[in-house]
Amino acid sequence: MVPLIRTVTTFNQHNIVLPNSFCYVQNKRYKSKVAKSSLDSEPDKSSLDSDERDEIQDKNTKILKINVTSLRVDGILKSSLGIARNKIETMFYENKIRINGEKLKKKSQSIQEGDEIDILKGPDIKNPSFMNVARVEILALQAQEESVSVKIKRCKSLTVDDYTK
């Protein structure tokens, strides 16, 4: 037969003998070494240009910086919208990609600063005279050692006038 082991626990300077099931256990909480203020801090809105704050109006629009190895349209769309190259190729052959409102003639065409690349999604359900597009606007280009840093404004869902007619 196994003897019952008792534990001595101290409460307010009194020794009390309790069975193991009644032992008082104090949980320790380990705190993060990172300052709480750095976790709760938000990005400084004054760091954004006033033009950028005025342009960001909806949840579908973001201003991003991406790094690409070339300025080809298919590479820019892949990096900015997260679309696979084979899907971009399919959209190219279906004439669903436009640069500055004109059909894309070659999927290897290079982009320039100020270009707007649209992917046609189809007519707007509520109003057929409008259409839904995904738009990438090239804001700035900056050459680096082995790549090009591109500042873009990406809008995954945008309703515009139907300019295909």
N, C-alpha and C. Protein backbone atom coordinates (compact mmCIF):
# COMPACT_ATOMS: atom_id res chain seq x y z
N MET A 1 0.83 -1.16 0.00
CA MET A 1 0.00 0.00 0.00
C MET A 1 0.89 1.25 0.00
N VAL A 2 0.49 2.25 -0.82
CA VAL A 2 1.27 3.48 -0.96
C VAL A 2 0.82 4.48 0.09
N PRO A 3 1.76 5.03 0.83
CA PRO A 3 1.36 6.00 1.86
C PRO A 3 0.93 7.31 1.22
N LEU A 4 -0.01 7.99 1.84
CA LEU A 4 -0.51 9.28 1.36
C LEU A 4 0.49 10.36 1.77
N ILE A 5 0.97 11.10 0.81
CA ILE A 5 1.97 12.14 1.06
C ILE A 5 1.23 13.44 1.33
N ARG A 6 1.64 14.12 2.36
CA ARG A 6 1.01 15.39 2.71
C ARG A 6 2.00 16.53 2.41
N THR A 7 1.44 17.67 2.05
CA THR A 7 2.25 18.83 1.74
C THR A 7 1.98 19.90 2.77
N VAL A 8 3.01 20.59 3.16
CA VAL A 8 2.86 21.69 4.11
C VAL A 8 2.79 22.98 3.31
N THR A 9 1.72 23.72 3.48
CA THR A 9 1.53 24.98 2.78
C THR A 9 1.42 26.08 3.82
N THR A 10 2.03 27.20 3.57
CA THR A 10 2.02 28.31 4.52
C THR A 10 1.01 29.35 4.08
N PHE A 11 0.06 29.67 4.96
CA PHE A 11 -0.89 30.74 4.74
C PHE A 11 -0.77 31.71 5.91
N ASN A 12 -0.44 32.94 5.68
CA ASN A 12 -0.35 33.98 6.71
C ASN A 12 0.45 33.51 7.94
N GLN A 13 1.60 32.98 7.71
CA GLN A 13 2.53 32.55 8.75
C GLN A 13 2.02 31.38 9.59
N HIS A 14 1.02 30.63 9.13
CA HIS A 14 0.54 29.46 9.83
C HIS A 14 0.82 28.24 8.96
N ASN A 15 1.38 27.23 9.53
CA ASN A 15 1.62 25.99 8.80
C ASN A 15 0.37 25.14 8.87
N ILE A 16 -0.17 24.85 7.71
CA ILE A 16 -1.38 24.03 7.63
C ILE A 16 -1.04 22.81 6.79
N VAL A 17 -1.39 21.64 7.30
CA VAL A 17 -1.13 20.41 6.57
C VAL A 17 -2.40 20.04 5.81
N LEU A 18 -2.27 19.94 4.48
CA LEU A 18 -3.41 19.62 3.62
C LEU A 18 -3.04 18.44 2.73
N PRO A 19 -4.04 17.65 2.31
CA PRO A 19 -3.73 16.63 1.31
C PRO A 19 -3.31 17.30 0.00
N ASN A 20 -2.67 16.53 -0.89
CA ASN A 20 -2.17 17.10 -2.15
C ASN A 20 -3.25 17.76 -2.97
N SER A 21 -4.44 17.25 -2.93
CA SER A 21 -5.50 17.80 -3.77
C SER A 21 -5.92 19.19 -3.32
N PHE A 22 -5.57 19.57 -2.09
CA PHE A 22 -5.96 20.87 -1.59
C PHE A 22 -4.82 21.88 -1.56
N CYS A 23 -3.74 21.58 -2.21
CA CYS A 23 -2.58 22.47 -2.20
C CYS A 23 -2.90 23.76 -2.95
N TYR A 24 -2.47 24.85 -2.37
CA TYR A 24 -2.64 26.14 -2.99
C TYR A 24 -1.51 26.36 -3.99
N VAL A 25 -1.86 26.64 -5.24
CA VAL A 25 -0.86 26.87 -6.27
C VAL A 25 -1.05 28.28 -6.80
N GLN A 26 0.01 29.01 -6.79
CA GLN A 26 -0.05 30.37 -7.30
C GLN A 26 0.47 30.39 -8.72
N ASN A 27 -0.34 30.89 -9.64
CA ASN A 27 0.07 30.99 -11.03
C ASN A 27 0.89 32.25 -11.21
N LYS A 28 1.98 32.11 -11.93
CA LYS A 28 2.80 33.28 -12.24
C LYS A 28 2.53 33.70 -13.66
N ARG A 29 2.41 34.98 -13.85
CA ARG A 29 2.18 35.53 -15.17
C ARG A 29 3.47 36.18 -15.62
N TYR A 30 3.98 35.74 -16.74
CA TYR A 30 5.21 36.30 -17.28
C TYR A 30 4.87 37.43 -18.23
N LYS A 31 5.44 38.57 -18.00
CA LYS A 31 5.15 39.74 -18.81
C LYS A 31 6.15 39.85 -19.95
N SER A 32 5.68 40.44 -21.02
CA SER A 32 6.53 40.65 -22.18
C SER A 32 7.58 41.71 -21.86
N LYS A 33 8.74 41.54 -22.44
CA LYS A 33 9.81 42.51 -22.23
C LYS A 33 9.67 43.72 -23.16
N VAL A 34 8.74 43.62 -24.14
CA VAL A 34 8.50 44.71 -25.07
C VAL A 34 7.63 45.74 -24.36
N ALA A 35 7.98 46.99 -24.51
CA ALA A 35 7.20 48.04 -23.86
C ALA A 35 5.78 48.07 -24.39
N LYS A 36 4.83 48.28 -23.50
CA LYS A 36 3.42 48.27 -23.89
C LYS A 36 3.12 49.41 -24.86
N SER A 37 3.78 50.52 -24.70
CA SER A 37 3.51 51.66 -25.58
C SER A 37 3.88 51.36 -27.03
N SER A 38 4.89 50.52 -27.26
CA SER A 38 5.27 50.20 -28.64
C SER A 38 4.28 49.24 -29.27
N LEU A 39 3.60 48.41 -28.45
CA LEU A 39 2.59 47.50 -28.99
C LEU A 39 1.33 48.24 -29.38
N ASP A 40 0.95 49.22 -28.57
CA ASP A 40 -0.30 49.93 -28.80
C ASP A 40 -0.16 51.10 -29.76
N SER A 41 1.06 51.46 -30.12
CA SER A 41 1.24 52.64 -30.94
C SER A 41 0.75 52.40 -32.36
N GLU A 42 0.15 53.41 -32.92
CA GLU A 42 -0.33 53.38 -34.30
C GLU A 42 0.67 54.11 -35.16
N PRO A 43 0.68 53.78 -36.47
CA PRO A 43 1.58 54.53 -37.33
C PRO A 43 1.22 56.01 -37.32
N ASP A 44 2.23 56.83 -37.33
CA ASP A 44 2.01 58.27 -37.29
C ASP A 44 1.37 58.74 -38.58
N LYS A 45 0.18 59.29 -38.46
CA LYS A 45 -0.54 59.72 -39.66
C LYS A 45 0.10 60.95 -40.28
N SER A 46 0.89 61.68 -39.52
CA SER A 46 1.55 62.84 -40.09
C SER A 46 2.68 62.44 -41.03
N SER A 47 3.12 61.17 -40.93
CA SER A 47 4.19 60.72 -41.82
C SER A 47 3.69 60.54 -43.25
N LEU A 48 2.38 60.29 -43.43
CA LEU A 48 1.83 60.20 -44.78
C LEU A 48 1.70 61.59 -45.36
N ASP A 49 1.93 61.72 -46.63
CA ASP A 49 1.73 63.00 -47.29
C ASP A 49 0.25 63.35 -47.23
N SER A 50 -0.05 64.63 -47.26
CA SER A 50 -1.46 65.04 -47.22
C SER A 50 -2.20 64.57 -48.46
N ASP A 51 -1.50 64.47 -49.61
CA ASP A 51 -2.14 63.97 -50.82
C ASP A 51 -2.53 62.51 -50.67
N GLU A 52 -1.66 61.70 -50.03
CA GLU A 52 -1.95 60.28 -49.85
C GLU A 52 -3.13 60.09 -48.91
N ARG A 53 -3.23 60.89 -47.84
CA ARG A 53 -4.35 60.74 -46.92
C ARG A 53 -5.66 61.11 -47.61
N ASP A 54 -5.63 62.09 -48.52
CA ASP A 54 -6.85 62.48 -49.22
C ASP A 54 -7.28 61.41 -50.22
N GLU A 55 -6.31 60.70 -50.82
CA GLU A 55 -6.64 59.70 -51.84
C GLU A 55 -7.16 58.41 -51.24
N ILE A 56 -6.75 58.05 -50.03
CA ILE A 56 -7.20 56.81 -49.41
C ILE A 56 -8.56 57.06 -48.78
N GLN A 57 -9.60 56.57 -49.46
CA GLN A 57 -10.95 56.84 -48.99
C GLN A 57 -11.74 55.59 -48.70
N ASP A 58 -11.40 54.46 -49.30
CA ASP A 58 -12.18 53.27 -49.05
C ASP A 58 -11.28 52.12 -48.64
N LYS A 59 -11.91 51.02 -48.24
CA LYS A 59 -11.15 49.88 -47.73
C LYS A 59 -10.48 49.08 -48.84
N ASN A 60 -10.85 49.27 -50.09
CA ASN A 60 -10.29 48.51 -51.20
C ASN A 60 -9.01 49.12 -51.76
N THR A 61 -8.66 50.33 -51.35
CA THR A 61 -7.51 51.03 -51.91
C THR A 61 -6.35 51.02 -50.93
N LYS A 62 -5.16 50.68 -51.44
CA LYS A 62 -3.96 50.70 -50.62
C LYS A 62 -2.80 51.26 -51.43
N ILE A 63 -1.89 51.93 -50.75
CA ILE A 63 -0.66 52.39 -51.38
C ILE A 63 0.45 51.48 -50.88
N LEU A 64 1.14 50.82 -51.82
CA LEU A 64 2.16 49.83 -51.50
C LEU A 64 3.47 50.13 -52.20
N LYS A 65 4.54 49.56 -51.67
CA LYS A 65 5.83 49.56 -52.35
C LYS A 65 6.17 48.12 -52.63
N ILE A 66 6.42 47.81 -53.89
CA ILE A 66 6.79 46.45 -54.27
C ILE A 66 8.14 46.49 -54.97
N ASN A 67 8.85 45.39 -54.91
CA ASN A 67 10.14 45.26 -55.61
C ASN A 67 9.96 44.24 -56.72
N VAL A 68 10.31 44.63 -57.93
CA VAL A 68 10.22 43.74 -59.08
C VAL A 68 11.55 43.76 -59.81
N THR A 69 11.79 42.68 -60.57
CA THR A 69 13.05 42.62 -61.32
C THR A 69 12.94 43.31 -62.67
N SER A 70 11.72 43.39 -63.22
CA SER A 70 11.53 44.09 -64.49
C SER A 70 10.22 44.86 -64.44
N LEU A 71 10.04 45.76 -65.38
CA LEU A 71 8.85 46.60 -65.41
C LEU A 71 7.79 46.08 -66.38
N ARG A 72 7.78 44.77 -66.62
CA ARG A 72 6.76 44.18 -67.49
C ARG A 72 5.40 44.23 -66.80
N VAL A 73 4.35 44.38 -67.60
CA VAL A 73 3.00 44.49 -67.07
C VAL A 73 2.61 43.24 -66.29
N ASP A 74 2.93 42.05 -66.81
CA ASP A 74 2.53 40.83 -66.12
C ASP A 74 3.23 40.68 -64.78
N GLY A 75 4.47 41.12 -64.68
CA GLY A 75 5.20 41.06 -63.41
C GLY A 75 4.64 42.03 -62.38
N ILE A 76 4.28 43.22 -62.83
CA ILE A 76 3.69 44.23 -61.94
C ILE A 76 2.34 43.74 -61.42
N LEU A 77 1.50 43.20 -62.30
CA LEU A 77 0.18 42.70 -61.87
C LEU A 77 0.33 41.53 -60.90
N LYS A 78 1.28 40.66 -61.17
CA LYS A 78 1.50 39.51 -60.30
C LYS A 78 1.88 39.97 -58.90
N SER A 79 2.80 40.92 -58.80
CA SER A 79 3.27 41.39 -57.50
C SER A 79 2.25 42.25 -56.77
N SER A 80 1.53 43.07 -57.49
CA SER A 80 0.64 44.01 -56.83
C SER A 80 -0.72 43.41 -56.48
N LEU A 81 -1.28 42.57 -57.33
CA LEU A 81 -2.60 42.01 -57.08
C LEU A 81 -2.57 40.57 -56.59
N GLY A 82 -1.41 39.92 -56.66
CA GLY A 82 -1.31 38.55 -56.20
C GLY A 82 -1.98 37.56 -57.14
N ILE A 83 -1.93 37.82 -58.43
CA ILE A 83 -2.54 36.95 -59.44
C ILE A 83 -1.43 36.13 -60.10
N ALA A 84 -1.69 34.86 -60.34
CA ALA A 84 -0.71 34.00 -60.99
C ALA A 84 -0.48 34.42 -62.44
N ARG A 85 0.72 34.20 -62.94
CA ARG A 85 1.06 34.62 -64.31
C ARG A 85 0.20 33.91 -65.35
N ASN A 86 -0.16 32.65 -65.12
CA ASN A 86 -0.98 31.95 -66.11
C ASN A 86 -2.38 32.57 -66.18
N LYS A 87 -2.92 33.07 -65.07
CA LYS A 87 -4.21 33.76 -65.10
C LYS A 87 -4.09 35.11 -65.79
N ILE A 88 -2.97 35.78 -65.59
CA ILE A 88 -2.73 37.05 -66.28
C ILE A 88 -2.64 36.81 -67.78
N GLU A 89 -1.98 35.73 -68.16
CA GLU A 89 -1.88 35.38 -69.58
C GLU A 89 -3.26 35.10 -70.18
N THR A 90 -4.12 34.39 -69.45
CA THR A 90 -5.48 34.12 -69.92
C THR A 90 -6.26 35.42 -70.08
N MET A 91 -6.14 36.34 -69.11
CA MET A 91 -6.83 37.63 -69.21
C MET A 91 -6.29 38.45 -70.38
N PHE A 92 -5.00 38.33 -70.67
CA PHE A 92 -4.42 39.05 -71.81
C PHE A 92 -5.05 38.57 -73.11
N TYR A 93 -5.18 37.25 -73.28
CA TYR A 93 -5.76 36.72 -74.51
C TYR A 93 -7.26 36.97 -74.61
N GLU A 94 -7.92 37.23 -73.49
CA GLU A 94 -9.34 37.60 -73.50
C GLU A 94 -9.54 39.11 -73.59
N ASN A 95 -8.46 39.88 -73.80
CA ASN A 95 -8.47 41.35 -73.91
C ASN A 95 -9.08 42.02 -72.69
N LYS A 96 -8.74 41.54 -71.50
CA LYS A 96 -9.28 42.11 -70.26
C LYS A 96 -8.29 43.01 -69.55
N ILE A 97 -7.13 43.25 -70.13
CA ILE A 97 -6.12 44.11 -69.50
C ILE A 97 -5.98 45.37 -70.34
N ARG A 98 -6.07 46.54 -69.66
CA ARG A 98 -5.95 47.84 -70.33
C ARG A 98 -4.90 48.67 -69.62
N ILE A 99 -4.14 49.41 -70.42
CA ILE A 99 -3.20 50.38 -69.87
C ILE A 99 -3.64 51.76 -70.36
N ASN A 100 -3.94 52.62 -69.42
CA ASN A 100 -4.45 53.97 -69.70
C ASN A 100 -5.66 53.93 -70.64
N GLY A 101 -6.51 52.94 -70.50
CA GLY A 101 -7.73 52.83 -71.28
C GLY A 101 -7.59 52.12 -72.61
N GLU A 102 -6.38 51.75 -73.00
CA GLU A 102 -6.16 51.08 -74.29
C GLU A 102 -5.82 49.61 -74.06
N LYS A 103 -6.23 48.76 -75.02
CA LYS A 103 -5.94 47.34 -74.92
C LYS A 103 -4.44 47.10 -74.89
N LEU A 104 -4.05 46.12 -74.12
CA LEU A 104 -2.65 45.74 -74.03
C LEU A 104 -2.28 44.91 -75.25
N LYS A 105 -1.30 45.38 -76.04
CA LYS A 105 -0.92 44.68 -77.26
C LYS A 105 0.07 43.55 -76.99
N LYS A 106 0.99 43.76 -76.05
CA LYS A 106 1.98 42.74 -75.69
C LYS A 106 2.01 42.64 -74.17
N LYS A 107 1.98 41.40 -73.66
CA LYS A 107 2.01 41.26 -72.21
C LYS A 107 3.38 41.57 -71.63
N SER A 108 4.39 41.69 -72.47
CA SER A 108 5.72 42.05 -72.01
C SER A 108 5.96 43.56 -72.08
N GLN A 109 4.93 44.33 -72.37
CA GLN A 109 5.08 45.79 -72.47
C GLN A 109 5.54 46.37 -71.13
N SER A 110 6.44 47.33 -71.20
CA SER A 110 6.95 47.97 -69.98
C SER A 110 6.02 49.08 -69.55
N ILE A 111 5.99 49.30 -68.25
CA ILE A 111 5.15 50.37 -67.70
C ILE A 111 6.02 51.57 -67.39
N GLN A 112 5.36 52.72 -67.22
CA GLN A 112 6.05 53.95 -66.87
C GLN A 112 5.33 54.59 -65.70
N GLU A 113 5.97 55.57 -65.11
CA GLU A 113 5.36 56.29 -64.00
C GLU A 113 4.10 57.01 -64.49
N GLY A 114 3.01 56.89 -63.75
CA GLY A 114 1.75 57.53 -64.10
C GLY A 114 0.80 56.63 -64.85
N ASP A 115 1.22 55.43 -65.25
CA ASP A 115 0.34 54.50 -65.96
C ASP A 115 -0.72 53.93 -65.02
N GLU A 116 -1.91 53.68 -65.59
CA GLU A 116 -2.99 53.00 -64.88
C GLU A 116 -3.27 51.69 -65.59
N ILE A 117 -3.12 50.59 -64.89
CA ILE A 117 -3.36 49.26 -65.45
C ILE A 117 -4.69 48.77 -64.90
N ASP A 118 -5.63 48.46 -65.79
CA ASP A 118 -6.94 47.97 -65.38
C ASP A 118 -7.12 46.53 -65.81
N ILE A 119 -7.75 45.74 -64.95
CA ILE A 119 -8.20 44.40 -65.30
C ILE A 119 -9.72 44.44 -65.28
N LEU A 120 -10.33 44.19 -66.43
CA LEU A 120 -11.78 44.26 -66.53
C LEU A 120 -12.41 43.04 -65.87
N LYS A 121 -13.33 43.29 -64.92
CA LYS A 121 -14.02 42.20 -64.24
C LYS A 121 -15.40 41.94 -64.82
N GLY A 122 -16.02 42.96 -65.40
CA GLY A 122 -17.34 42.80 -65.99
C GLY A 122 -18.22 44.00 -65.67
N PRO A 123 -19.44 44.01 -66.22
CA PRO A 123 -20.34 45.14 -65.98
C PRO A 123 -20.83 45.16 -64.53
N ASP A 124 -21.18 46.36 -64.08
CA ASP A 124 -21.72 46.53 -62.74
C ASP A 124 -23.15 45.99 -62.72
N ILE A 125 -23.48 45.23 -61.71
CA ILE A 125 -24.81 44.61 -61.63
C ILE A 125 -25.89 45.66 -61.44
N LYS A 126 -25.63 46.68 -60.64
CA LYS A 126 -26.64 47.69 -60.33
C LYS A 126 -26.86 48.66 -61.49
N ASN A 127 -25.80 48.97 -62.24
CA ASN A 127 -25.91 49.93 -63.34
C ASN A 127 -25.05 49.44 -64.50
N PRO A 128 -25.68 48.94 -65.58
CA PRO A 128 -24.91 48.38 -66.70
C PRO A 128 -24.05 49.38 -67.47
N SER A 129 -24.25 50.67 -67.27
CA SER A 129 -23.42 51.64 -67.97
C SER A 129 -22.07 51.82 -67.28
N PHE A 130 -21.87 51.16 -66.14
CA PHE A 130 -20.59 51.17 -65.43
C PHE A 130 -20.01 49.76 -65.45
N MET A 131 -18.71 49.68 -65.15
CA MET A 131 -18.06 48.37 -65.09
C MET A 131 -17.15 48.29 -63.88
N ASN A 132 -16.90 47.06 -63.42
CA ASN A 132 -16.01 46.82 -62.30
C ASN A 132 -14.62 46.46 -62.82
N VAL A 133 -13.61 47.08 -62.24
CA VAL A 133 -12.23 46.81 -62.63
C VAL A 133 -11.37 46.68 -61.37
N ALA A 134 -10.21 46.06 -61.55
CA ALA A 134 -9.14 46.11 -60.56
C ALA A 134 -8.08 47.02 -61.16
N ARG A 135 -7.67 48.04 -60.42
CA ARG A 135 -6.76 49.05 -60.99
C ARG A 135 -5.48 49.13 -60.18
N VAL A 136 -4.37 49.23 -60.91
CA VAL A 136 -3.05 49.48 -60.32
C VAL A 136 -2.51 50.74 -60.97
N GLU A 137 -2.24 51.75 -60.15
CA GLU A 137 -1.70 53.01 -60.66
C GLU A 137 -0.24 53.12 -60.21
N ILE A 138 0.65 53.39 -61.15
CA ILE A 138 2.08 53.50 -60.87
C ILE A 138 2.35 54.93 -60.40
N LEU A 139 2.76 55.08 -59.13
CA LEU A 139 3.01 56.41 -58.58
C LEU A 139 4.47 56.83 -58.71
N ALA A 140 5.41 55.90 -58.48
CA ALA A 140 6.82 56.25 -58.55
C ALA A 140 7.66 55.01 -58.85
N LEU A 141 8.76 55.22 -59.55
CA LEU A 141 9.72 54.17 -59.87
C LEU A 141 11.08 54.59 -59.32
N GLN A 142 11.79 53.62 -58.71
CA GLN A 142 13.12 53.93 -58.20
C GLN A 142 14.01 52.71 -58.43
N ALA A 143 15.08 52.91 -59.19
CA ALA A 143 16.00 51.81 -59.49
C ALA A 143 16.86 51.51 -58.28
N GLN A 144 17.06 50.20 -58.02
CA GLN A 144 17.94 49.75 -56.95
C GLN A 144 19.02 48.88 -57.59
N GLU A 145 19.80 48.17 -56.79
CA GLU A 145 20.92 47.40 -57.34
C GLU A 145 20.47 46.34 -58.32
N GLU A 146 19.64 45.39 -57.86
CA GLU A 146 19.21 44.30 -58.74
C GLU A 146 17.73 44.29 -59.01
N SER A 147 17.01 45.29 -58.52
CA SER A 147 15.57 45.32 -58.72
C SER A 147 15.10 46.77 -58.87
N VAL A 148 13.80 46.92 -59.05
CA VAL A 148 13.20 48.24 -59.15
C VAL A 148 12.13 48.34 -58.08
N SER A 149 12.17 49.39 -57.28
CA SER A 149 11.16 49.64 -56.26
C SER A 149 10.04 50.46 -56.91
N VAL A 150 8.82 49.94 -56.84
CA VAL A 150 7.69 50.59 -57.48
C VAL A 150 6.67 50.95 -56.40
N LYS A 151 6.30 52.21 -56.35
CA LYS A 151 5.25 52.66 -55.44
C LYS A 151 3.95 52.68 -56.23
N ILE A 152 2.95 51.91 -55.74
CA ILE A 152 1.70 51.78 -56.48
C ILE A 152 0.52 52.12 -55.60
N LYS A 153 -0.57 52.45 -56.25
CA LYS A 153 -1.87 52.57 -55.59
C LYS A 153 -2.73 51.47 -56.17
N ARG A 154 -3.12 50.53 -55.31
CA ARG A 154 -3.85 49.34 -55.75
C ARG A 154 -5.29 49.44 -55.28
N CYS A 155 -6.21 49.17 -56.20
CA CYS A 155 -7.63 49.11 -55.87
C CYS A 155 -8.16 47.82 -56.47
N LYS A 156 -8.53 46.86 -55.62
CA LYS A 156 -8.96 45.56 -56.11
C LYS A 156 -10.38 45.57 -56.66
N SER A 157 -11.18 46.54 -56.25
CA SER A 157 -12.55 46.63 -56.75
C SER A 157 -12.91 48.09 -56.93
N LEU A 158 -13.14 48.49 -58.17
CA LEU A 158 -13.43 49.88 -58.50
C LEU A 158 -14.50 49.92 -59.57
N THR A 159 -15.48 50.79 -59.43
CA THR A 159 -16.52 50.95 -60.43
C THR A 159 -16.24 52.21 -61.24
N VAL A 160 -16.13 52.06 -62.57
CA VAL A 160 -15.83 53.17 -63.47
C VAL A 160 -16.81 53.17 -64.64
N ASP A 161 -16.78 54.27 -65.42
CA ASP A 161 -17.59 54.32 -66.64
C ASP A 161 -17.16 53.22 -67.59
N ASP A 162 -18.09 52.67 -68.34
CA ASP A 162 -17.77 51.60 -69.29
C ASP A 162 -17.10 52.23 -70.50
N TYR A 163 -15.76 52.18 -70.54
CA TYR A 163 -15.00 52.78 -71.64
C TYR A 163 -14.67 51.78 -72.74
N THR A 164 -15.21 50.59 -72.68
CA THR A 164 -14.94 49.57 -73.71
C THR A 164 -15.84 49.75 -74.92
N LYS A 165 -16.90 50.52 -74.81
CA LYS A 165 -17.84 50.68 -75.93
C LYS A 165 -17.36 51.72 -76.90
